[in-house]
Amino acid sequence: MRSFAPQFEGLSLSVTICKQLIIAKKQEELEKQVATIKQYTEVAKWTFNGDRATGYGMATGSPISGWWKDHIRSEKGEYVWKCNNDALEHYKSIIKQYSIYPFPYLLIAQCLKKQGDSSWKGYAEEGFRHAKGTVQISGHYVDHNWAYIKLKELLEEDAKRQ
């Protein structure tokens, strides 16, 4: 009579390898989540105007508090921003200092799109990537939802045209 033991041993080995691959994949996903948390935790607490939200309607300063004073104003609950060269350079300087802060990307993307400059899309994509990171952080400030939605809308609108 023929033995089936080698087949079962091979099957057992295959199941073990599959389990190891599944565990490795889950570990990789968890490492990505941890990296996102490490990267975005601080910036996710920063408001649109750069203050650090501490909860209960309170905010303290951050390294970029007030970054928007000369270029953006709030009008009837909506932000209105300048799109002149000085303003664009200012927004870019904030990106150089804090490359994962999504708001300057949004402003630049909208300004450049309005001006017919095709480089707007790169700013929108990069800003969306960072906004997507900040909204994943538990306790992120609500302004990040706004940036995420606005950037997503810009990109989806562009995708529909193509």
N, C-alpha and C. Protein backbone atom coordinates (compact mmCIF):
# COMPACT_ATOMS: atom_id res chain seq x y z
N MET A 1 0.83 -1.17 0.00
CA MET A 1 0.00 0.00 0.00
C MET A 1 0.89 1.24 0.00
N ARG A 2 0.50 2.22 -0.75
CA ARG A 2 1.26 3.46 -0.92
C ARG A 2 0.99 4.43 0.24
N SER A 3 2.03 5.13 0.71
CA SER A 3 1.89 6.08 1.82
C SER A 3 1.61 7.48 1.28
N PHE A 4 0.73 8.18 1.93
CA PHE A 4 0.42 9.55 1.55
C PHE A 4 1.14 10.57 2.44
N ALA A 5 1.93 10.11 3.33
CA ALA A 5 2.60 10.99 4.29
C ALA A 5 3.38 12.11 3.61
N PRO A 6 4.18 11.85 2.56
CA PRO A 6 4.93 12.96 1.96
C PRO A 6 4.01 14.06 1.42
N GLN A 7 2.85 13.68 0.88
CA GLN A 7 1.93 14.70 0.37
C GLN A 7 1.40 15.55 1.52
N PHE A 8 1.05 14.92 2.61
CA PHE A 8 0.54 15.69 3.75
C PHE A 8 1.62 16.56 4.35
N GLU A 9 2.84 16.06 4.39
CA GLU A 9 3.94 16.88 4.91
C GLU A 9 4.12 18.11 4.03
N GLY A 10 4.05 17.93 2.72
CA GLY A 10 4.17 19.05 1.78
C GLY A 10 3.03 20.02 1.94
N LEU A 11 1.85 19.52 2.15
CA LEU A 11 0.68 20.37 2.35
C LEU A 11 0.84 21.15 3.64
N SER A 12 1.31 20.49 4.67
CA SER A 12 1.54 21.15 5.95
C SER A 12 2.57 22.27 5.79
N LEU A 13 3.60 22.01 5.04
CA LEU A 13 4.64 23.01 4.80
C LEU A 13 4.05 24.18 4.01
N SER A 14 3.21 23.90 3.01
CA SER A 14 2.58 24.95 2.21
C SER A 14 1.66 25.82 3.06
N VAL A 15 0.90 25.20 3.95
CA VAL A 15 0.01 25.95 4.84
C VAL A 15 0.84 26.83 5.76
N THR A 16 1.93 26.31 6.28
CA THR A 16 2.81 27.09 7.15
C THR A 16 3.39 28.28 6.40
N ILE A 17 3.82 28.08 5.18
CA ILE A 17 4.37 29.17 4.37
C ILE A 17 3.29 30.22 4.10
N CYS A 18 2.09 29.78 3.79
CA CYS A 18 0.97 30.72 3.55
C CYS A 18 0.68 31.53 4.81
N LYS A 19 0.66 30.88 5.95
CA LYS A 19 0.43 31.59 7.21
C LYS A 19 1.53 32.63 7.45
N GLN A 20 2.77 32.25 7.18
CA GLN A 20 3.88 33.17 7.35
C GLN A 20 3.77 34.37 6.41
N LEU A 21 3.32 34.11 5.18
CA LEU A 21 3.14 35.20 4.22
C LEU A 21 2.02 36.15 4.66
N ILE A 22 0.95 35.58 5.19
CA ILE A 22 -0.16 36.40 5.69
C ILE A 22 0.30 37.24 6.87
N ILE A 23 1.03 36.64 7.78
CA ILE A 23 1.55 37.37 8.95
C ILE A 23 2.50 38.47 8.49
N ALA A 24 3.36 38.17 7.53
CA ALA A 24 4.30 39.18 7.03
C ALA A 24 3.56 40.34 6.38
N LYS A 25 2.50 40.04 5.64
CA LYS A 25 1.70 41.09 4.99
C LYS A 25 1.01 41.96 6.04
N LYS A 26 0.45 41.34 7.06
CA LYS A 26 -0.20 42.09 8.14
C LYS A 26 0.82 42.95 8.88
N GLN A 27 2.00 42.41 9.10
CA GLN A 27 3.05 43.15 9.78
C GLN A 27 3.46 44.37 8.93
N GLU A 28 3.57 44.17 7.64
CA GLU A 28 3.91 45.26 6.73
C GLU A 28 2.85 46.37 6.79
N GLU A 29 1.57 45.97 6.80
CA GLU A 29 0.48 46.94 6.89
C GLU A 29 0.53 47.70 8.22
N LEU A 30 0.79 47.01 9.30
CA LEU A 30 0.89 47.65 10.61
C LEU A 30 2.09 48.61 10.65
N GLU A 31 3.19 48.22 10.06
CA GLU A 31 4.37 49.09 10.02
C GLU A 31 4.07 50.37 9.23
N LYS A 32 3.29 50.25 8.15
CA LYS A 32 2.89 51.43 7.39
C LYS A 32 2.01 52.34 8.23
N GLN A 33 1.07 51.75 8.98
CA GLN A 33 0.20 52.54 9.84
C GLN A 33 1.00 53.26 10.92
N VAL A 34 1.94 52.56 11.51
CA VAL A 34 2.79 53.17 12.54
C VAL A 34 3.61 54.31 11.95
N ALA A 35 4.15 54.10 10.76
CA ALA A 35 4.93 55.15 10.09
C ALA A 35 4.05 56.38 9.81
N THR A 36 2.82 56.15 9.37
CA THR A 36 1.88 57.26 9.12
C THR A 36 1.61 58.01 10.41
N ILE A 37 1.36 57.28 11.47
CA ILE A 37 1.09 57.92 12.77
C ILE A 37 2.29 58.74 13.21
N LYS A 38 3.48 58.18 13.12
CA LYS A 38 4.68 58.90 13.51
C LYS A 38 4.87 60.16 12.67
N GLN A 39 4.63 60.03 11.37
CA GLN A 39 4.87 61.14 10.45
C GLN A 39 3.87 62.27 10.63
N TYR A 40 2.60 61.94 10.84
CA TYR A 40 1.55 62.96 10.77
C TYR A 40 0.94 63.39 12.10
N THR A 41 1.28 62.76 13.20
CA THR A 41 0.62 63.05 14.47
C THR A 41 0.66 64.53 14.84
N GLU A 42 1.80 65.14 14.81
CA GLU A 42 1.91 66.54 15.22
C GLU A 42 1.16 67.47 14.26
N VAL A 43 1.41 67.33 12.96
CA VAL A 43 0.81 68.22 11.97
C VAL A 43 -0.71 68.04 11.93
N ALA A 44 -1.21 66.86 12.22
CA ALA A 44 -2.66 66.61 12.21
C ALA A 44 -3.39 67.44 13.26
N LYS A 45 -2.69 67.91 14.24
CA LYS A 45 -3.30 68.73 15.29
C LYS A 45 -3.24 70.22 14.95
N TRP A 46 -2.54 70.58 13.88
CA TRP A 46 -2.44 71.99 13.50
C TRP A 46 -3.67 72.41 12.72
N THR A 47 -4.20 73.56 13.04
CA THR A 47 -5.36 74.11 12.36
C THR A 47 -4.93 74.73 11.03
N PHE A 48 -5.89 75.18 10.25
CA PHE A 48 -5.59 75.86 9.00
C PHE A 48 -4.68 77.07 9.22
N ASN A 49 -4.91 77.81 10.30
CA ASN A 49 -4.09 78.99 10.54
C ASN A 49 -2.78 78.68 11.24
N GLY A 50 -2.53 77.40 11.48
CA GLY A 50 -1.23 77.00 12.01
C GLY A 50 -1.16 76.82 13.51
N ASP A 51 -2.24 77.10 14.22
CA ASP A 51 -2.23 76.88 15.66
C ASP A 51 -2.36 75.39 15.95
N ARG A 52 -1.88 74.99 17.11
CA ARG A 52 -1.98 73.60 17.53
C ARG A 52 -3.22 73.46 18.39
N ALA A 53 -4.20 72.71 17.89
CA ALA A 53 -5.45 72.48 18.63
C ALA A 53 -5.16 71.54 19.79
N THR A 54 -5.57 71.95 20.97
CA THR A 54 -5.34 71.13 22.16
C THR A 54 -6.61 70.50 22.68
N GLY A 55 -7.75 70.81 22.05
CA GLY A 55 -9.03 70.25 22.46
C GLY A 55 -9.85 71.26 23.23
N TYR A 56 -11.13 70.98 23.36
CA TYR A 56 -12.06 71.84 24.10
C TYR A 56 -12.06 73.28 23.57
N GLY A 57 -11.86 73.44 22.27
CA GLY A 57 -11.87 74.77 21.66
C GLY A 57 -10.63 75.59 21.95
N MET A 58 -9.63 74.98 22.49
CA MET A 58 -8.40 75.68 22.85
C MET A 58 -7.32 75.40 21.81
N ALA A 59 -6.42 76.36 21.64
CA ALA A 59 -5.29 76.18 20.72
C ALA A 59 -4.08 76.91 21.28
N THR A 60 -2.93 76.39 20.97
CA THR A 60 -1.67 77.03 21.35
C THR A 60 -0.87 77.26 20.09
N GLY A 61 0.22 77.92 20.22
CA GLY A 61 1.06 78.19 19.06
C GLY A 61 1.74 76.94 18.53
N SER A 62 2.14 77.04 17.29
CA SER A 62 2.95 76.00 16.66
C SER A 62 4.06 76.74 15.91
N PRO A 63 4.98 76.01 15.32
CA PRO A 63 6.05 76.69 14.58
C PRO A 63 5.56 77.56 13.43
N ILE A 64 4.32 77.34 12.97
CA ILE A 64 3.83 78.15 11.84
C ILE A 64 2.57 78.94 12.17
N SER A 65 2.31 79.14 13.44
CA SER A 65 1.13 79.94 13.82
C SER A 65 1.13 81.26 13.07
N GLY A 66 -0.03 81.59 12.53
CA GLY A 66 -0.18 82.87 11.84
C GLY A 66 0.43 82.94 10.46
N TRP A 67 0.80 81.80 9.89
CA TRP A 67 1.46 81.76 8.57
C TRP A 67 0.62 82.42 7.49
N TRP A 68 -0.64 82.56 7.71
CA TRP A 68 -1.57 83.01 6.68
C TRP A 68 -1.96 84.47 6.79
N LYS A 69 -1.54 85.17 7.84
CA LYS A 69 -2.00 86.53 8.14
C LYS A 69 -2.06 87.48 6.94
N ASP A 70 -1.00 87.59 6.20
CA ASP A 70 -0.93 88.59 5.13
C ASP A 70 -1.51 88.12 3.80
N HIS A 71 -1.91 86.87 3.72
CA HIS A 71 -2.31 86.32 2.43
C HIS A 71 -3.71 85.70 2.39
N ILE A 72 -4.29 85.49 3.56
CA ILE A 72 -5.58 84.80 3.62
C ILE A 72 -6.46 85.54 4.64
N ARG A 73 -7.74 85.59 4.33
CA ARG A 73 -8.68 86.17 5.28
C ARG A 73 -9.92 85.27 5.35
N SER A 74 -10.62 85.39 6.44
CA SER A 74 -11.86 84.65 6.59
C SER A 74 -13.00 85.62 6.30
N GLU A 75 -13.87 85.21 5.40
CA GLU A 75 -14.98 86.06 4.98
C GLU A 75 -16.26 85.24 5.00
N LYS A 76 -17.17 85.59 5.90
CA LYS A 76 -18.45 84.88 6.04
C LYS A 76 -18.24 83.38 6.24
N GLY A 77 -17.28 83.04 7.06
CA GLY A 77 -17.01 81.64 7.36
C GLY A 77 -16.23 80.88 6.31
N GLU A 78 -15.82 81.56 5.26
CA GLU A 78 -15.04 80.93 4.18
C GLU A 78 -13.65 81.58 4.11
N TYR A 79 -12.66 80.79 3.78
CA TYR A 79 -11.32 81.34 3.58
C TYR A 79 -11.20 81.89 2.17
N VAL A 80 -10.59 83.05 2.07
CA VAL A 80 -10.30 83.68 0.78
C VAL A 80 -8.80 83.96 0.77
N TRP A 81 -8.11 83.47 -0.25
CA TRP A 81 -6.67 83.64 -0.28
C TRP A 81 -6.20 84.32 -1.55
N LYS A 82 -5.06 84.97 -1.39
CA LYS A 82 -4.45 85.66 -2.52
C LYS A 82 -3.72 84.65 -3.39
N CYS A 83 -3.64 84.98 -4.68
CA CYS A 83 -2.95 84.11 -5.62
C CYS A 83 -1.86 84.86 -6.39
N ASN A 84 -1.41 85.98 -5.86
CA ASN A 84 -0.34 86.71 -6.55
C ASN A 84 1.00 86.01 -6.31
N ASN A 85 2.03 86.46 -6.99
CA ASN A 85 3.35 85.81 -6.89
C ASN A 85 3.89 85.81 -5.46
N ASP A 86 3.70 86.93 -4.76
CA ASP A 86 4.17 87.01 -3.38
C ASP A 86 3.50 85.95 -2.52
N ALA A 87 2.19 85.80 -2.67
CA ALA A 87 1.45 84.81 -1.90
C ALA A 87 1.89 83.39 -2.25
N LEU A 88 2.03 83.11 -3.54
CA LEU A 88 2.46 81.77 -3.96
C LEU A 88 3.84 81.43 -3.40
N GLU A 89 4.74 82.39 -3.42
CA GLU A 89 6.08 82.16 -2.86
C GLU A 89 5.99 81.92 -1.36
N HIS A 90 5.11 82.63 -0.71
CA HIS A 90 4.93 82.43 0.73
C HIS A 90 4.41 81.02 1.02
N TYR A 91 3.41 80.58 0.27
CA TYR A 91 2.87 79.23 0.47
C TYR A 91 3.95 78.18 0.23
N LYS A 92 4.76 78.41 -0.79
CA LYS A 92 5.86 77.46 -1.09
C LYS A 92 6.89 77.45 0.03
N SER A 93 7.12 78.60 0.65
CA SER A 93 8.08 78.65 1.76
C SER A 93 7.58 77.83 2.96
N ILE A 94 6.27 77.79 3.15
CA ILE A 94 5.71 76.97 4.23
C ILE A 94 5.90 75.49 3.91
N ILE A 95 5.73 75.13 2.65
CA ILE A 95 5.95 73.75 2.23
C ILE A 95 7.41 73.36 2.45
N LYS A 96 8.33 74.26 2.17
CA LYS A 96 9.75 73.95 2.40
C LYS A 96 10.03 73.70 3.87
N GLN A 97 9.35 74.43 4.74
CA GLN A 97 9.57 74.26 6.18
C GLN A 97 8.85 73.03 6.74
N TYR A 98 7.60 72.81 6.26
CA TYR A 98 6.77 71.73 6.79
C TYR A 98 6.09 71.03 5.62
N SER A 99 6.82 70.18 4.99
CA SER A 99 6.38 69.57 3.72
C SER A 99 5.16 68.67 3.85
N ILE A 100 4.78 68.29 5.05
CA ILE A 100 3.61 67.41 5.19
C ILE A 100 2.36 68.17 5.65
N TYR A 101 2.46 69.48 5.80
CA TYR A 101 1.31 70.32 6.17
C TYR A 101 0.50 70.55 4.89
N PRO A 102 -0.73 70.03 4.78
CA PRO A 102 -1.43 69.98 3.49
C PRO A 102 -2.01 71.29 2.97
N PHE A 103 -2.23 72.26 3.84
CA PHE A 103 -2.97 73.45 3.43
C PHE A 103 -2.30 74.31 2.36
N PRO A 104 -1.00 74.57 2.43
CA PRO A 104 -0.38 75.36 1.36
C PRO A 104 -0.48 74.69 -0.01
N TYR A 105 -0.45 73.37 -0.03
CA TYR A 105 -0.60 72.64 -1.29
C TYR A 105 -1.97 72.93 -1.91
N LEU A 106 -3.00 72.93 -1.07
CA LEU A 106 -4.34 73.22 -1.55
C LEU A 106 -4.42 74.62 -2.15
N LEU A 107 -3.88 75.59 -1.43
CA LEU A 107 -3.94 76.97 -1.90
C LEU A 107 -3.19 77.13 -3.23
N ILE A 108 -2.01 76.57 -3.30
CA ILE A 108 -1.22 76.67 -4.54
C ILE A 108 -1.96 75.98 -5.68
N ALA A 109 -2.47 74.78 -5.42
CA ALA A 109 -3.18 74.03 -6.48
C ALA A 109 -4.36 74.83 -7.01
N GLN A 110 -5.15 75.40 -6.13
CA GLN A 110 -6.31 76.16 -6.59
C GLN A 110 -5.89 77.43 -7.33
N CYS A 111 -4.86 78.10 -6.83
CA CYS A 111 -4.38 79.31 -7.51
C CYS A 111 -3.87 78.99 -8.91
N LEU A 112 -3.01 77.98 -8.99
CA LEU A 112 -2.42 77.64 -10.29
C LEU A 112 -3.48 77.13 -11.27
N LYS A 113 -4.43 76.38 -10.77
CA LYS A 113 -5.50 75.90 -11.65
C LYS A 113 -6.30 77.08 -12.20
N LYS A 114 -6.61 78.03 -11.33
CA LYS A 114 -7.35 79.21 -11.75
C LYS A 114 -6.55 80.01 -12.80
N GLN A 115 -5.22 79.98 -12.68
CA GLN A 115 -4.36 80.70 -13.62
C GLN A 115 -4.07 79.90 -14.89
N GLY A 116 -4.57 78.66 -14.96
CA GLY A 116 -4.36 77.83 -16.14
C GLY A 116 -2.99 77.18 -16.18
N ASP A 117 -2.31 77.10 -15.05
CA ASP A 117 -0.98 76.50 -14.96
C ASP A 117 -1.14 75.01 -14.63
N SER A 118 -0.69 74.15 -15.52
CA SER A 118 -0.89 72.71 -15.36
C SER A 118 -0.13 72.10 -14.18
N SER A 119 0.79 72.82 -13.59
CA SER A 119 1.52 72.27 -12.45
C SER A 119 0.65 72.19 -11.19
N TRP A 120 -0.57 72.72 -11.26
CA TRP A 120 -1.47 72.67 -10.11
C TRP A 120 -1.71 71.24 -9.65
N LYS A 121 -1.76 70.33 -10.63
CA LYS A 121 -2.12 68.95 -10.31
C LYS A 121 -1.08 68.28 -9.41
N GLY A 122 0.18 68.55 -9.62
CA GLY A 122 1.22 67.99 -8.76
C GLY A 122 1.07 68.46 -7.31
N TYR A 123 0.74 69.73 -7.15
CA TYR A 123 0.50 70.25 -5.79
C TYR A 123 -0.74 69.61 -5.18
N ALA A 124 -1.79 69.45 -5.99
CA ALA A 124 -3.01 68.83 -5.48
C ALA A 124 -2.75 67.37 -5.07
N GLU A 125 -2.02 66.64 -5.87
CA GLU A 125 -1.74 65.24 -5.55
C GLU A 125 -0.90 65.11 -4.28
N GLU A 126 0.12 65.95 -4.17
CA GLU A 126 0.98 65.90 -2.98
C GLU A 126 0.20 66.34 -1.74
N GLY A 127 -0.59 67.39 -1.87
CA GLY A 127 -1.40 67.85 -0.75
C GLY A 127 -2.42 66.80 -0.33
N PHE A 128 -3.02 66.15 -1.31
CA PHE A 128 -4.00 65.10 -1.01
C PHE A 128 -3.33 63.94 -0.27
N ARG A 129 -2.15 63.59 -0.69
CA ARG A 129 -1.41 62.50 -0.02
C ARG A 129 -1.20 62.85 1.46
N HIS A 130 -0.83 64.10 1.71
CA HIS A 130 -0.59 64.50 3.11
C HIS A 130 -1.89 64.66 3.89
N ALA A 131 -2.92 65.20 3.24
CA ALA A 131 -4.22 65.32 3.92
C ALA A 131 -4.77 63.94 4.26
N LYS A 132 -4.56 63.00 3.36
CA LYS A 132 -4.99 61.62 3.61
C LYS A 132 -4.27 61.06 4.83
N GLY A 133 -3.00 61.43 4.99
CA GLY A 133 -2.24 60.99 6.17
C GLY A 133 -2.74 61.64 7.45
N THR A 134 -3.03 62.93 7.40
CA THR A 134 -3.44 63.62 8.63
C THR A 134 -4.83 63.19 9.08
N VAL A 135 -5.74 62.93 8.15
CA VAL A 135 -7.10 62.56 8.58
C VAL A 135 -7.15 61.14 9.16
N GLN A 136 -6.11 60.38 8.98
CA GLN A 136 -6.05 59.03 9.57
C GLN A 136 -5.69 59.08 11.05
N ILE A 137 -5.21 60.22 11.50
CA ILE A 137 -4.76 60.35 12.88
C ILE A 137 -5.96 60.63 13.78
N SER A 138 -6.12 59.80 14.79
CA SER A 138 -7.19 59.99 15.76
C SER A 138 -6.99 61.34 16.44
N GLY A 139 -8.04 62.14 16.50
CA GLY A 139 -7.95 63.45 17.14
C GLY A 139 -7.41 64.54 16.23
N HIS A 140 -7.32 64.25 14.92
CA HIS A 140 -6.84 65.31 14.01
C HIS A 140 -7.82 66.47 14.02
N TYR A 141 -7.31 67.66 13.72
CA TYR A 141 -8.18 68.83 13.72
C TYR A 141 -9.06 68.82 12.48
N VAL A 142 -10.30 69.25 12.63
CA VAL A 142 -11.32 69.16 11.59
C VAL A 142 -10.92 69.89 10.29
N ASP A 143 -10.08 70.89 10.36
CA ASP A 143 -9.64 71.58 9.15
C ASP A 143 -9.00 70.63 8.14
N HIS A 144 -8.41 69.56 8.63
CA HIS A 144 -7.77 68.59 7.74
C HIS A 144 -8.81 67.85 6.89
N ASN A 145 -10.00 67.65 7.45
CA ASN A 145 -11.08 67.05 6.66
C ASN A 145 -11.42 67.96 5.48
N TRP A 146 -11.48 69.25 5.75
CA TRP A 146 -11.79 70.24 4.72
C TRP A 146 -10.74 70.17 3.61
N ALA A 147 -9.46 70.17 3.98
CA ALA A 147 -8.39 70.10 2.98
C ALA A 147 -8.49 68.80 2.18
N TYR A 148 -8.72 67.70 2.86
CA TYR A 148 -8.85 66.39 2.21
C TYR A 148 -9.97 66.43 1.17
N ILE A 149 -11.12 66.93 1.57
CA ILE A 149 -12.28 66.97 0.67
C ILE A 149 -12.02 67.89 -0.52
N LYS A 150 -11.49 69.08 -0.26
CA LYS A 150 -11.23 70.04 -1.34
C LYS A 150 -10.21 69.49 -2.34
N LEU A 151 -9.15 68.89 -1.85
CA LEU A 151 -8.13 68.34 -2.75
C LEU A 151 -8.68 67.15 -3.53
N LYS A 152 -9.46 66.33 -2.87
CA LYS A 152 -10.09 65.19 -3.54
C LYS A 152 -11.02 65.67 -4.65
N GLU A 153 -11.81 66.70 -4.36
CA GLU A 153 -12.71 67.26 -5.36
C GLU A 153 -11.95 67.80 -6.57
N LEU A 154 -10.85 68.51 -6.31
CA LEU A 154 -10.03 69.04 -7.42
C LEU A 154 -9.56 67.91 -8.33
N LEU A 155 -9.04 66.85 -7.72
CA LEU A 155 -8.49 65.74 -8.49
C LEU A 155 -9.58 64.95 -9.22
N GLU A 156 -10.71 64.75 -8.54
CA GLU A 156 -11.81 64.01 -9.19
C GLU A 156 -12.40 64.81 -10.34
N GLU A 157 -12.51 66.10 -10.17
CA GLU A 157 -13.01 66.96 -11.24
C GLU A 157 -12.10 66.88 -12.47
N ASP A 158 -10.81 66.87 -12.22
CA ASP A 158 -9.84 66.75 -13.31
C ASP A 158 -9.94 65.39 -13.99
N ALA A 159 -10.11 64.33 -13.20
CA ALA A 159 -10.20 62.98 -13.74
C ALA A 159 -11.43 62.82 -14.63
N LYS A 160 -12.53 63.49 -14.29
CA LYS A 160 -13.75 63.40 -15.07
C LYS A 160 -13.58 64.07 -16.43
N ARG A 161 -12.75 65.08 -16.49
CA ARG A 161 -12.54 65.81 -17.75
C ARG A 161 -11.69 65.01 -18.74
N GLN A 162 -10.97 64.05 -18.22
CA GLN A 162 -10.05 63.30 -19.10
C GLN A 162 -10.64 62.03 -19.62
